[in-house]
């Protein structure tokens, strides 16, 4: 097992900033010990069930202490390390431009008594 990400295979030579990120990742993972008798799973701490769903992500983004809403500058929203689809989602969310039922009714795309 290599140190500093040496055991990983890359399709191309990493840029300097990517090498820094690999070192940061290795630093984070140094204290992680995997155990074969424990199952590994993702945990979403913003929901009581610890499972991810869009509603809990939306509610998390709307909380006053959310790091996303604290980003008042476009550099935080349009950070190159954030996937573009996430940046677009947050940008639309902050501008109240998500196609929610109430927004679609306000924009006269849906009728107020529309059934789903």
PDB file of N, CA and C in Angstrom:
ATOM      1  N   UNK A   1       0.845  -1.173   0.000  1.00  0.00           N
ATOM      2  CA  UNK A   1       0.000   0.000   0.000  1.00  0.00           C
ATOM      3  C   UNK A   1       0.889   1.235   0.000  1.00  0.00           C
ATOM      4  N   UNK A   2       0.691   2.118  -0.965  1.00  0.00           N
ATOM      5  CA  UNK A   2       1.532   3.299  -1.075  1.00  0.00           C
ATOM      6  C   UNK A   2       1.070   4.431  -0.184  1.00  0.00           C
ATOM      7  N   UNK A   3       1.988   5.303   0.120  1.00  0.00           N
ATOM      8  CA  UNK A   3       1.652   6.488   0.900  1.00  0.00           C
ATOM      9  C   UNK A   3       1.497   7.667  -0.043  1.00  0.00           C
ATOM     10  N   UNK A   4       0.835   8.707   0.430  1.00  0.00           N
ATOM     11  CA  UNK A   4       0.620   9.920  -0.361  1.00  0.00           C
ATOM     12  C   UNK A   4      -0.084   9.624  -1.688  1.00  0.00           C
ATOM     13  N   UNK A   5      -0.955   8.624  -1.713  1.00  0.00           N
ATOM     14  CA  UNK A   5      -1.728   8.312  -2.907  1.00  0.00           C
ATOM     15  C   UNK A   5      -0.972   7.542  -3.965  1.00  0.00           C
ATOM     16  N   UNK A   6       0.196   7.018  -3.648  1.00  0.00           N
ATOM     17  CA  UNK A   6       1.009   6.304  -4.632  1.00  0.00           C
ATOM     18  C   UNK A   6       0.365   5.000  -5.093  1.00  0.00           C
ATOM     19  N   UNK A   7      -0.514   4.422  -4.289  1.00  0.00           N
ATOM     20  CA  UNK A   7      -1.142   3.155  -4.650  1.00  0.00           C
ATOM     21  C   UNK A   7      -2.274   3.363  -5.656  1.00  0.00           C
ATOM     22  N   UNK A   8      -2.734   4.579  -5.823  1.00  0.00           N
ATOM     23  CA  UNK A   8      -3.822   4.864  -6.754  1.00  0.00           C
ATOM     24  C   UNK A   8      -3.275   4.996  -8.165  1.00  0.00           C
ATOM     25  N   UNK A   9      -4.061   4.575  -9.121  1.00  0.00           N
ATOM     26  CA  UNK A   9      -3.691   4.675 -10.536  1.00  0.00           C
ATOM     27  C   UNK A   9      -4.469   5.835 -11.158  1.00  0.00           C
ATOM     28  N   UNK A  10      -3.772   6.727 -11.819  1.00  0.00           N
ATOM     29  CA  UNK A  10      -4.395   7.889 -12.444  1.00  0.00           C
ATOM     30  C   UNK A  10      -4.332   7.741 -13.957  1.00  0.00           C
ATOM     31  N   UNK A  11      -5.333   8.218 -14.650  1.00  0.00           N
ATOM     32  CA  UNK A  11      -5.362   8.141 -16.110  1.00  0.00           C
ATOM     33  C   UNK A  11      -4.395   9.121 -16.752  1.00  0.00           C
ATOM     34  N   UNK A  12      -4.041  10.149 -16.039  1.00  0.00           N
ATOM     35  CA  UNK A  12      -3.112  11.160 -16.545  1.00  0.00           C
ATOM     36  C   UNK A  12      -2.283  11.673 -15.385  1.00  0.00           C
ATOM     37  N   UNK A  13      -1.259  12.426 -15.686  1.00  0.00           N
ATOM     38  CA  UNK A  13      -0.432  13.025 -14.651  1.00  0.00           C
ATOM     39  C   UNK A  13      -1.258  14.094 -13.941  1.00  0.00           C
ATOM     40  N   UNK A  14      -1.203  14.105 -12.607  1.00  0.00           N
ATOM     41  CA  UNK A  14      -1.987  15.060 -11.829  1.00  0.00           C
ATOM     42  C   UNK A  14      -1.378  16.449 -11.892  1.00  0.00           C
ATOM     43  N   UNK A  15      -2.249  17.461 -11.853  1.00  0.00           N
ATOM     44  CA  UNK A  15      -1.798  18.839 -11.739  1.00  0.00           C
ATOM     45  C   UNK A  15      -1.321  19.060 -10.301  1.00  0.00           C
ATOM     46  N   UNK A  16      -0.572  20.133 -10.081  1.00  0.00           N
ATOM     47  CA  UNK A  16      -0.028  20.414  -8.744  1.00  0.00           C
ATOM     48  C   UNK A  16      -1.138  20.548  -7.714  1.00  0.00           C
ATOM     49  N   UNK A  17      -2.216  21.251  -8.062  1.00  0.00           N
ATOM     50  CA  UNK A  17      -3.305  21.434  -7.102  1.00  0.00           C
ATOM     51  C   UNK A  17      -4.006  20.107  -6.808  1.00  0.00           C
ATOM     52  N   UNK A  18      -4.028  19.194  -7.787  1.00  0.00           N
ATOM     53  CA  UNK A  18      -4.628  17.882  -7.554  1.00  0.00           C
ATOM     54  C   UNK A  18      -3.744  17.044  -6.637  1.00  0.00           C
ATOM     55  N   UNK A  19      -2.434  17.172  -6.799  1.00  0.00           N
ATOM     56  CA  UNK A  19      -1.523  16.461  -5.912  1.00  0.00           C
ATOM     57  C   UNK A  19      -1.693  16.941  -4.477  1.00  0.00           C
ATOM     58  N   UNK A  20      -1.906  18.253  -4.307  1.00  0.00           N
ATOM     59  CA  UNK A  20      -2.173  18.796  -2.967  1.00  0.00           C
ATOM     60  C   UNK A  20      -3.451  18.198  -2.387  1.00  0.00           C
ATOM     61  N   UNK A  21      -4.478  18.050  -3.219  1.00  0.00           N
ATOM     62  CA  UNK A  21      -5.749  17.475  -2.756  1.00  0.00           C
ATOM     63  C   UNK A  21      -5.578  16.000  -2.380  1.00  0.00           C
ATOM     64  N   UNK A  22      -4.753  15.276  -3.124  1.00  0.00           N
ATOM     65  CA  UNK A  22      -4.490  13.871  -2.787  1.00  0.00           C
ATOM     66  C   UNK A  22      -3.808  13.798  -1.427  1.00  0.00           C
ATOM     67  N   UNK A  23      -2.829  14.680  -1.193  1.00  0.00           N
ATOM     68  CA  UNK A  23      -2.150  14.701   0.113  1.00  0.00           C
ATOM     69  C   UNK A  23      -3.146  15.030   1.233  1.00  0.00           C
ATOM     70  N   UNK A  24      -4.048  16.011   0.984  1.00  0.00           N
ATOM     71  CA  UNK A  24      -5.068  16.352   1.986  1.00  0.00           C
ATOM     72  C   UNK A  24      -5.968  15.151   2.256  1.00  0.00           C
ATOM     73  N   UNK A  25      -6.354  14.460   1.208  1.00  0.00           N
ATOM     74  CA  UNK A  25      -7.207  13.273   1.349  1.00  0.00           C
ATOM     75  C   UNK A  25      -6.492  12.201   2.162  1.00  0.00           C
ATOM     76  N   UNK A  26      -5.218  11.992   1.866  1.00  0.00           N
ATOM     77  CA  UNK A  26      -4.439  10.989   2.612  1.00  0.00           C
ATOM     78  C   UNK A  26      -4.341  11.365   4.086  1.00  0.00           C
ATOM     79  N   UNK A  27      -4.172  12.658   4.361  1.00  0.00           N
ATOM     80  CA  UNK A  27      -4.113  13.116   5.756  1.00  0.00           C
ATOM     81  C   UNK A  27      -5.418  12.820   6.481  1.00  0.00           C
ATOM     82  N   UNK A  28      -6.545  13.039   5.791  1.00  0.00           N
ATOM     83  CA  UNK A  28      -7.855  12.780   6.393  1.00  0.00           C
ATOM     84  C   UNK A  28      -8.036  11.285   6.642  1.00  0.00           C
ATOM     85  N   UNK A  29      -7.564  10.469   5.717  1.00  0.00           N
ATOM     86  CA  UNK A  29      -7.783   9.024   5.798  1.00  0.00           C
ATOM     87  C   UNK A  29      -6.784   8.279   6.677  1.00  0.00           C
ATOM     88  N   UNK A  30      -5.737   8.946   7.156  1.00  0.00           N
ATOM     89  CA  UNK A  30      -4.712   8.235   7.926  1.00  0.00           C
ATOM     90  C   UNK A  30      -5.258   7.608   9.205  1.00  0.00           C
ATOM     91  N   UNK A  31      -6.230   8.233   9.825  1.00  0.00           N
ATOM     92  CA  UNK A  31      -6.759   7.712  11.085  1.00  0.00           C
ATOM     93  C   UNK A  31      -7.983   6.812  10.891  1.00  0.00           C
ATOM     94  N   UNK A  32      -8.354   6.553   9.656  1.00  0.00           N
ATOM     95  CA  UNK A  32      -9.506   5.704   9.369  1.00  0.00           C
ATOM     96  C   UNK A  32      -9.062   4.253   9.314  1.00  0.00           C
ATOM     97  N   UNK A  33      -9.737   3.423  10.091  1.00  0.00           N
ATOM     98  CA  UNK A  33      -9.422   1.993  10.102  1.00  0.00           C
ATOM     99  C   UNK A  33     -10.694   1.250   9.705  1.00  0.00           C
ATOM    100  N   UNK A  34     -10.613   0.520   8.605  1.00  0.00           N
ATOM    101  CA  UNK A  34     -11.751  -0.269   8.162  1.00  0.00           C
ATOM    102  C   UNK A  34     -11.723  -1.627   8.844  1.00  0.00           C
ATOM    103  N   UNK A  35     -12.897  -2.083   9.234  1.00  0.00           N
ATOM    104  CA  UNK A  35     -13.002  -3.363   9.914  1.00  0.00           C
ATOM    105  C   UNK A  35     -13.906  -4.276   9.099  1.00  0.00           C
ATOM    106  N   UNK A  36     -13.460  -5.483   8.859  1.00  0.00           N
ATOM    107  CA  UNK A  36     -14.203  -6.398   7.990  1.00  0.00           C
ATOM    108  C   UNK A  36     -15.535  -6.834   8.592  1.00  0.00           C
ATOM    109  N   UNK A  37     -15.698  -6.757   9.901  1.00  0.00           N
ATOM    110  CA  UNK A  37     -16.953  -7.205  10.521  1.00  0.00           C
ATOM    111  C   UNK A  37     -17.986  -6.077  10.641  1.00  0.00           C
ATOM    112  N   UNK A  38     -17.688  -4.885  10.102  1.00  0.00           N
ATOM    113  CA  UNK A  38     -18.630  -3.767  10.112  1.00  0.00           C
ATOM    114  C   UNK A  38     -18.947  -3.373   8.675  1.00  0.00           C
ATOM    115  N   UNK A  39     -20.231  -3.161   8.411  1.00  0.00           N
ATOM    116  CA  UNK A  39     -20.600  -2.748   7.052  1.00  0.00           C
ATOM    117  C   UNK A  39     -20.282  -1.261   6.864  1.00  0.00           C
ATOM    118  N   UNK A  40     -19.965  -0.915   5.638  1.00  0.00           N
ATOM    119  CA  UNK A  40     -19.616   0.444   5.283  1.00  0.00           C
ATOM    120  C   UNK A  40     -20.801   1.061   4.549  1.00  0.00           C
ATOM    121  N   UNK A  41     -21.217   2.263   4.963  1.00  0.00           N
ATOM    122  CA  UNK A  41     -22.339   2.911   4.289  1.00  0.00           C
ATOM    123  C   UNK A  41     -22.217   4.415   4.430  1.00  0.00           C
ATOM    124  N   UNK A  42     -22.880   5.114   3.519  1.00  0.00           N
ATOM    125  CA  UNK A  42     -22.930   6.567   3.571  1.00  0.00           C
ATOM    126  C   UNK A  42     -23.918   7.003   4.640  1.00  0.00           C
ATOM    127  N   UNK A  43     -23.615   8.113   5.321  1.00  0.00           N
ATOM    128  CA  UNK A  43     -24.519   8.666   6.325  1.00  0.00           C
ATOM    129  C   UNK A  43     -24.780  10.128   5.979  1.00  0.00           C
ATOM    130  N   UNK A  44     -26.052  10.506   5.953  1.00  0.00           N
ATOM    131  CA  UNK A  44     -26.472  11.882   5.708  1.00  0.00           C
ATOM    132  C   UNK A  44     -26.968  12.431   7.047  1.00  0.00           C
ATOM    133  N   UNK A  45     -26.130  13.213   7.755  1.00  0.00           N
ATOM    134  CA  UNK A  45     -26.483  13.651   9.104  1.00  0.00           C
ATOM    135  C   UNK A  45     -27.604  14.690   9.171  1.00  0.00           C
ATOM    136  N   UNK A  46     -28.042  15.193   8.027  1.00  0.00           N
ATOM    137  CA  UNK A  46     -29.089  16.219   8.031  1.00  0.00           C
ATOM    138  C   UNK A  46     -30.492  15.642   8.047  1.00  0.00           C
ATOM    139  N   UNK A  47     -30.612  14.333   8.186  1.00  0.00           N
ATOM    140  CA  UNK A  47     -31.932  13.707   8.265  1.00  0.00           C
ATOM    141  C   UNK A  47     -31.917  12.691   9.397  1.00  0.00           C
ATOM    142  N   UNK A  48     -33.026  12.555  10.093  1.00  0.00           N
ATOM    143  CA  UNK A  48     -33.106  11.670  11.256  1.00  0.00           C
ATOM    144  C   UNK A  48     -32.767  10.212  10.915  1.00  0.00           C
ATOM    145  N   UNK A  49     -33.099   9.783   9.701  1.00  0.00           N
ATOM    146  CA  UNK A  49     -32.824   8.402   9.308  1.00  0.00           C
ATOM    147  C   UNK A  49     -31.385   8.200   8.836  1.00  0.00           C
ATOM    148  N   UNK A  50     -30.613   9.271   8.766  1.00  0.00           N
ATOM    149  CA  UNK A  50     -29.235   9.255   8.250  1.00  0.00           C
ATOM    150  C   UNK A  50     -29.150   8.857   6.790  1.00  0.00           C
ATOM    151  N   UNK A  51     -30.271   8.883   6.078  1.00  0.00           N
ATOM    152  CA  UNK A  51     -30.260   8.601   4.650  1.00  0.00           C
ATOM    153  C   UNK A  51     -30.568   9.884   3.888  1.00  0.00           C
ATOM    154  N   UNK A  52     -29.971  10.002   2.708  1.00  0.00           N
ATOM    155  CA  UNK A  52     -30.136  11.203   1.898  1.00  0.00           C
ATOM    156  C   UNK A  52     -31.460  11.194   1.176  1.00  0.00           C
ATOM    157  N   UNK A  53     -32.104  12.371   1.135  1.00  0.00           N
ATOM    158  CA  UNK A  53     -33.215  12.596   0.225  1.00  0.00           C
ATOM    159  C   UNK A  53     -33.211  14.076  -0.153  1.00  0.00           C
ATOM    160  N   UNK A  54     -33.822  14.399  -1.259  1.00  0.00           N
ATOM    161  CA  UNK A  54     -33.772  15.759  -1.782  1.00  0.00           C
ATOM    162  C   UNK A  54     -34.421  16.742  -0.821  1.00  0.00           C
ATOM    163  N   UNK A  55     -35.492  16.343  -0.174  1.00  0.00           N
ATOM    164  CA  UNK A  55     -36.177  17.228   0.762  1.00  0.00           C
ATOM    165  C   UNK A  55     -35.256  17.620   1.910  1.00  0.00           C
ATOM    166  N   UNK A  56     -34.519  16.661   2.461  1.00  0.00           N
ATOM    167  CA  UNK A  56     -33.628  16.998   3.568  1.00  0.00           C
ATOM    168  C   UNK A  56     -32.486  17.887   3.094  1.00  0.00           C
ATOM    169  N   UNK A  57     -32.002  17.681   1.870  1.00  0.00           N
ATOM    170  CA  UNK A  57     -30.946  18.551   1.330  1.00  0.00           C
ATOM    171  C   UNK A  57     -31.479  19.964   1.144  1.00  0.00           C
ATOM    172  N   UNK A  58     -32.685  20.084   0.618  1.00  0.00           N
ATOM    173  CA  UNK A  58     -33.315  21.391   0.421  1.00  0.00           C
ATOM    174  C   UNK A  58     -33.491  22.096   1.771  1.00  0.00           C
ATOM    175  N   UNK A  59     -34.009  21.378   2.754  1.00  0.00           N
ATOM    176  CA  UNK A  59     -34.197  21.966   4.087  1.00  0.00           C
ATOM    177  C   UNK A  59     -32.864  22.342   4.721  1.00  0.00           C
ATOM    178  N   UNK A  60     -31.850  21.529   4.499  1.00  0.00           N
ATOM    179  CA  UNK A  60     -30.521  21.838   5.025  1.00  0.00           C
ATOM    180  C   UNK A  60     -29.993  23.140   4.432  1.00  0.00           C
ATOM    181  N   UNK A  61     -30.205  23.318   3.136  1.00  0.00           N
ATOM    182  CA  UNK A  61     -29.734  24.541   2.481  1.00  0.00           C
ATOM    183  C   UNK A  61     -30.477  25.777   2.970  1.00  0.00           C
ATOM    184  N   UNK A  62     -31.695  25.598   3.443  1.00  0.00           N
ATOM    185  CA  UNK A  62     -32.487  26.736   3.911  1.00  0.00           C
ATOM    186  C   UNK A  62     -32.244  27.093   5.376  1.00  0.00           C
ATOM    187  N   UNK A  63     -31.515  26.250   6.107  1.00  0.00           N
ATOM    188  CA  UNK A  63     -31.263  26.549   7.510  1.00  0.00           C
ATOM    189  C   UNK A  63     -30.317  27.740   7.620  1.00  0.00           C
ATOM    190  N   UNK A  64     -30.539  28.589   8.631  1.00  0.00           N
ATOM    191  CA  UNK A  64     -29.714  29.800   8.767  1.00  0.00           C
ATOM    192  C   UNK A  64     -28.219  29.516   8.935  1.00  0.00           C
ATOM    193  N   UNK A  65     -27.851  28.396   9.528  1.00  0.00           N
ATOM    194  CA  UNK A  65     -26.430  28.110   9.736  1.00  0.00           C
ATOM    195  C   UNK A  65     -25.812  27.326   8.593  1.00  0.00           C
ATOM    196  N   UNK A  66     -26.533  27.194   7.482  1.00  0.00           N
ATOM    197  CA  UNK A  66     -26.010  26.459   6.336  1.00  0.00           C
ATOM    198  C   UNK A  66     -24.806  27.177   5.747  1.00  0.00           C
ATOM    199  N   UNK A  67     -23.751  26.424   5.479  1.00  0.00           N
ATOM    200  CA  UNK A  67     -22.549  27.014   4.899  1.00  0.00           C
ATOM    201  C   UNK A  67     -22.811  27.519   3.488  1.00  0.00           C
ATOM    202  N   UNK A  68     -23.746  26.899   2.783  1.00  0.00           N
ATOM    203  CA  UNK A  68     -24.047  27.323   1.419  1.00  0.00           C
ATOM    204  C   UNK A  68     -24.690  28.700   1.427  1.00  0.00           C
ATOM    205  N   UNK A  69     -25.683  28.903   2.303  1.00  0.00           N
ATOM    206  CA  UNK A  69     -26.335  30.202   2.340  1.00  0.00           C
ATOM    207  C   UNK A  69     -25.424  31.286   2.892  1.00  0.00           C
ATOM    208  N   UNK A  70     -24.437  30.899   3.688  1.00  0.00           N
ATOM    209  CA  UNK A  70     -23.498  31.875   4.212  1.00  0.00           C
ATOM    210  C   UNK A  70     -22.595  32.405   3.103  1.00  0.00           C
ATOM    211  N   UNK A  71     -22.525  31.690   1.996  1.00  0.00           N
ATOM    212  CA  UNK A  71     -21.682  32.125   0.881  1.00  0.00           C
ATOM    213  C   UNK A  71     -22.387  33.236   0.123  1.00  0.00           C
ATOM    214  N   UNK A  72     -21.988  34.454   0.393  1.00  0.00           N
ATOM    215  CA  UNK A  72     -22.618  35.594  -0.264  1.00  0.00           C
ATOM    216  C   UNK A  72     -21.870  36.008  -1.517  1.00  0.00           C
ATOM    217  N   UNK A  73     -20.714  35.443  -1.734  1.00  0.00           N
ATOM    218  CA  UNK A  73     -19.917  35.784  -2.894  1.00  0.00           C
ATOM    219  C   UNK A  73     -19.979  34.668  -3.921  1.00  0.00           C
ATOM    220  N   UNK A  74     -19.919  35.040  -5.161  1.00  0.00           N
ATOM    221  CA  UNK A  74     -20.032  34.038  -6.218  1.00  0.00           C
ATOM    222  C   UNK A  74     -18.846  33.074  -6.236  1.00  0.00           C
ATOM    223  N   UNK A  75     -17.717  33.466  -5.645  1.00  0.00           N
ATOM    224  CA  UNK A  75     -16.561  32.559  -5.652  1.00  0.00           C
ATOM    225  C   UNK A  75     -16.848  31.296  -4.858  1.00  0.00           C
ATOM    226  N   UNK A  76     -17.658  31.386  -3.802  1.00  0.00           N
ATOM    227  CA  UNK A  76     -17.995  30.192  -3.035  1.00  0.00           C
ATOM    228  C   UNK A  76     -18.977  29.309  -3.795  1.00  0.00           C
ATOM    229  N   UNK A  77     -19.944  29.928  -4.453  1.00  0.00           N
ATOM    230  CA  UNK A  77     -20.948  29.151  -5.175  1.00  0.00           C
ATOM    231  C   UNK A  77     -20.342  28.529  -6.426  1.00  0.00           C
ATOM    232  N   UNK A  78     -19.506  29.270  -7.114  1.00  0.00           N
ATOM    233  CA  UNK A  78     -18.933  28.809  -8.381  1.00  0.00           C
ATOM    234  C   UNK A  78     -17.519  28.265  -8.200  1.00  0.00           C
ATOM    235  N   UNK A  79     -17.232  27.688  -7.045  1.00  0.00           N
ATOM    236  CA  UNK A  79     -15.932  27.096  -6.761  1.00  0.00           C
ATOM    237  C   UNK A  79     -15.650  25.975  -7.756  1.00  0.00           C
ATOM    238  N   UNK A  80     -14.424  25.919  -8.296  1.00  0.00           N
ATOM    239  CA  UNK A  80     -14.085  24.919  -9.311  1.00  0.00           C
ATOM    240  C   UNK A  80     -14.129  23.493  -8.785  1.00  0.00           C
ATOM    241  N   UNK A  81     -14.066  23.327  -7.466  1.00  0.00           N
ATOM    242  CA  UNK A  81     -14.084  21.987  -6.898  1.00  0.00           C
ATOM    243  C   UNK A  81     -15.510  21.477  -6.661  1.00  0.00           C
ATOM    244  N   UNK A  82     -16.497  22.361  -6.814  1.00  0.00           N
ATOM    245  CA  UNK A  82     -17.899  21.974  -6.663  1.00  0.00           C
ATOM    246  C   UNK A  82     -18.416  21.589  -8.044  1.00  0.00           C
ATOM    247  N   UNK A  83     -19.062  20.430  -8.180  1.00  0.00           N
ATOM    248  CA  UNK A  83     -19.597  20.057  -9.491  1.00  0.00           C
ATOM    249  C   UNK A  83     -20.556  21.117 -10.015  1.00  0.00           C
ATOM    250  N   UNK A  84     -20.515  21.342 -11.332  1.00  0.00           N
ATOM    251  CA  UNK A  84     -21.316  22.390 -11.951  1.00  0.00           C
ATOM    252  C   UNK A  84     -22.797  22.235 -11.642  1.00  0.00           C
ATOM    253  N   UNK A  85     -23.311  20.999 -11.660  1.00  0.00           N
ATOM    254  CA  UNK A  85     -24.745  20.809 -11.410  1.00  0.00           C
ATOM    255  C   UNK A  85     -25.123  21.247  -9.989  1.00  0.00           C
ATOM    256  N   UNK A  86     -24.199  21.107  -9.043  1.00  0.00           N
ATOM    257  CA  UNK A  86     -24.468  21.557  -7.671  1.00  0.00           C
ATOM    258  C   UNK A  86     -24.442  23.076  -7.612  1.00  0.00           C
ATOM    259  N   UNK A  87     -23.476  23.699  -8.277  1.00  0.00           N
ATOM    260  CA  UNK A  87     -23.416  25.163  -8.316  1.00  0.00           C
ATOM    261  C   UNK A  87     -24.682  25.738  -8.932  1.00  0.00           C
ATOM    262  N   UNK A  88     -25.136  25.135 -10.031  1.00  0.00           N
ATOM    263  CA  UNK A  88     -26.361  25.606 -10.668  1.00  0.00           C
ATOM    264  C   UNK A  88     -27.569  25.432  -9.755  1.00  0.00           C
ATOM    265  N   UNK A  89     -27.637  24.289  -9.075  1.00  0.00           N
ATOM    266  CA  UNK A  89     -28.746  24.051  -8.150  1.00  0.00           C
ATOM    267  C   UNK A  89     -28.770  25.099  -7.047  1.00  0.00           C
ATOM    268  N   UNK A  90     -27.614  25.368  -6.430  1.00  0.00           N
ATOM    269  CA  UNK A  90     -27.552  26.350  -5.337  1.00  0.00           C
ATOM    270  C   UNK A  90     -27.871  27.741  -5.851  1.00  0.00           C
ATOM    271  N   UNK A  91     -27.365  28.084  -7.033  1.00  0.00           N
ATOM    272  CA  UNK A  91     -27.645  29.388  -7.625  1.00  0.00           C
ATOM    273  C   UNK A  91     -29.145  29.564  -7.865  1.00  0.00           C
ATOM    274  N   UNK A  92     -29.788  28.524  -8.398  1.00  0.00           N
ATOM    275  CA  UNK A  92     -31.235  28.577  -8.616  1.00  0.00           C
ATOM    276  C   UNK A  92     -31.989  28.607  -7.290  1.00  0.00           C
ATOM    277  N   UNK A  93     -31.511  27.848  -6.305  1.00  0.00           N
ATOM    278  CA  UNK A  93     -32.146  27.825  -4.994  1.00  0.00           C
ATOM    279  C   UNK A  93     -32.112  29.202  -4.342  1.00  0.00           C
ATOM    280  N   UNK A  94     -30.934  29.810  -4.332  1.00  0.00           N
ATOM    281  CA  UNK A  94     -30.799  31.123  -3.695  1.00  0.00           C
ATOM    282  C   UNK A  94     -31.591  32.205  -4.415  1.00  0.00           C
ATOM    283  N   UNK A  95     -31.797  32.023  -5.721  1.00  0.00           N
ATOM    284  CA  UNK A  95     -32.591  32.987  -6.479  1.00  0.00           C
ATOM    285  C   UNK A  95     -34.064  32.631  -6.530  1.00  0.00           C
ATOM    286  N   UNK A  96     -34.491  31.631  -5.756  1.00  0.00           N
ATOM    287  CA  UNK A  96     -35.870  31.155  -5.735  1.00  0.00           C
ATOM    288  C   UNK A  96     -36.343  30.810  -7.147  1.00  0.00           C
ATOM    289  N   UNK A  97     -35.499  30.121  -7.902  1.00  0.00           N
ATOM    290  CA  UNK A  97     -35.798  29.764  -9.282  1.00  0.00           C
ATOM    291  C   UNK A  97     -35.936  28.260  -9.502  1.00  0.00           C
ATOM    292  N   UNK A  98     -36.084  27.501  -8.441  1.00  0.00           N
ATOM    293  CA  UNK A  98     -36.313  26.068  -8.597  1.00  0.00           C
ATOM    294  C   UNK A  98     -37.746  25.834  -9.066  1.00  0.00           C
ATOM    295  N   UNK A  99     -37.966  24.851  -9.922  1.00  0.00           N
ATOM    296  CA  UNK A  99     -39.317  24.623 -10.432  1.00  0.00           C
ATOM    297  C   UNK A  99     -40.222  23.908  -9.420  1.00  0.00           C
ATOM    298  N   UNK A 100     -40.403  24.527  -8.266  1.00  0.00           N
ATOM    299  CA  UNK A 100     -41.323  23.969  -7.271  1.00  0.00           C
ATOM    300  C   UNK A 100     -42.752  24.297  -7.692  1.00  0.00           C
ATOM    301  N   UNK A 101     -43.705  23.617  -7.123  1.00  0.00           N
ATOM    302  CA  UNK A 101     -45.104  23.839  -7.495  1.00  0.00           C
ATOM    303  C   UNK A 101     -45.506  25.293  -7.294  1.00  0.00           C
ATOM    304  N   UNK A 102     -45.144  25.881  -6.147  1.00  0.00           N
ATOM    305  CA  UNK A 102     -45.547  27.277  -5.910  1.00  0.00           C
ATOM    306  C   UNK A 102     -44.878  28.234  -6.893  1.00  0.00           C
ATOM    307  N   UNK A 103     -43.628  27.988  -7.272  1.00  0.00           N
ATOM    308  CA  UNK A 103     -42.974  28.847  -8.260  1.00  0.00           C
ATOM    309  C   UNK A 103     -43.607  28.691  -9.641  1.00  0.00           C
ATOM    310  N   UNK A 104     -43.971  27.468  -9.998  1.00  0.00           N
ATOM    311  CA  UNK A 104     -44.608  27.246 -11.301  1.00  0.00           C
ATOM    312  C   UNK A 104     -45.993  27.885 -11.352  1.00  0.00           C
ATOM    313  N   UNK A 105     -46.703  27.892 -10.239  1.00  0.00           N
ATOM    314  CA  UNK A 105     -48.008  28.567 -10.186  1.00  0.00           C
ATOM    315  C   UNK A 105     -47.820  30.080 -10.289  1.00  0.00           C
ATOM    316  N   UNK A 106     -46.830  30.621  -9.553  1.00  0.00           N
ATOM    317  CA  UNK A 106     -46.554  32.067  -9.611  1.00  0.00           C
ATOM    318  C   UNK A 106     -46.219  32.532 -11.021  1.00  0.00           C
ATOM    319  N   UNK A 107     -45.552  31.679 -11.770  1.00  0.00           N
ATOM    320  CA  UNK A 107     -45.135  32.048 -13.129  1.00  0.00           C
ATOM    321  C   UNK A 107     -46.178  31.641 -14.176  1.00  0.00           C
ATOM    322  N   UNK A 108     -47.342  31.217 -13.722  1.00  0.00           N
ATOM    323  CA  UNK A 108     -48.478  30.856 -14.577  1.00  0.00           C
ATOM    324  C   UNK A 108     -48.151  29.701 -15.524  1.00  0.00           C
ATOM    325  N   UNK A 109     -47.287  28.798 -15.064  1.00  0.00           N
ATOM    326  CA  UNK A 109     -46.987  27.597 -15.845  1.00  0.00           C
ATOM    327  C   UNK A 109     -47.954  26.497 -15.441  1.00  0.00           C
ATOM    328  N   UNK A 110     -48.325  26.463 -14.153  1.00  0.00           N
ATOM    329  CA  UNK A 110     -49.346  25.525 -13.661  1.00  0.00           C
ATOM    330  C   UNK A 110     -50.559  26.317 -13.188  1.00  0.00           C
ATOM    331  N   UNK A 111     -51.695  25.692 -13.264  1.00  0.00           N
ATOM    332  CA  UNK A 111     -52.899  26.297 -12.700  1.00  0.00           C
ATOM    333  C   UNK A 111     -52.915  26.083 -11.210  1.00  0.00           C
ATOM    334  N   UNK A 112     -53.479  27.017 -10.438  1.00  0.00           N
ATOM    335  CA  UNK A 112     -53.478  26.877  -8.960  1.00  0.00           C
ATOM    336  C   UNK A 112     -54.150  25.612  -8.462  1.00  0.00           C
ATOM    337  N   UNK A 113     -55.100  25.076  -9.186  1.00  0.00           N
ATOM    338  CA  UNK A 113     -55.820  23.872  -8.715  1.00  0.00           C
ATOM    339  C   UNK A 113     -55.305  22.608  -9.398  1.00  0.00           C
ATOM    340  N   UNK A 114     -54.082  22.627  -9.887  1.00  0.00           N
ATOM    341  CA  UNK A 114     -53.519  21.464 -10.592  1.00  0.00           C
ATOM    342  C   UNK A 114     -53.389  20.283  -9.641  1.00  0.00           C
ATOM    343  N   UNK A 115     -53.760  19.100 -10.101  1.00  0.00           N
ATOM    344  CA  UNK A 115     -53.687  17.877  -9.318  1.00  0.00           C
ATOM    345  C   UNK A 115     -52.442  17.084  -9.720  1.00  0.00           C
ATOM    346  N   UNK A 116     -51.751  16.489  -8.739  1.00  0.00           N
ATOM    347  CA  UNK A 116     -50.574  15.679  -9.015  1.00  0.00           C
ATOM    348  C   UNK A 116     -50.767  14.293  -8.529  1.00  0.00           C
TER     349      UNK A 116
END
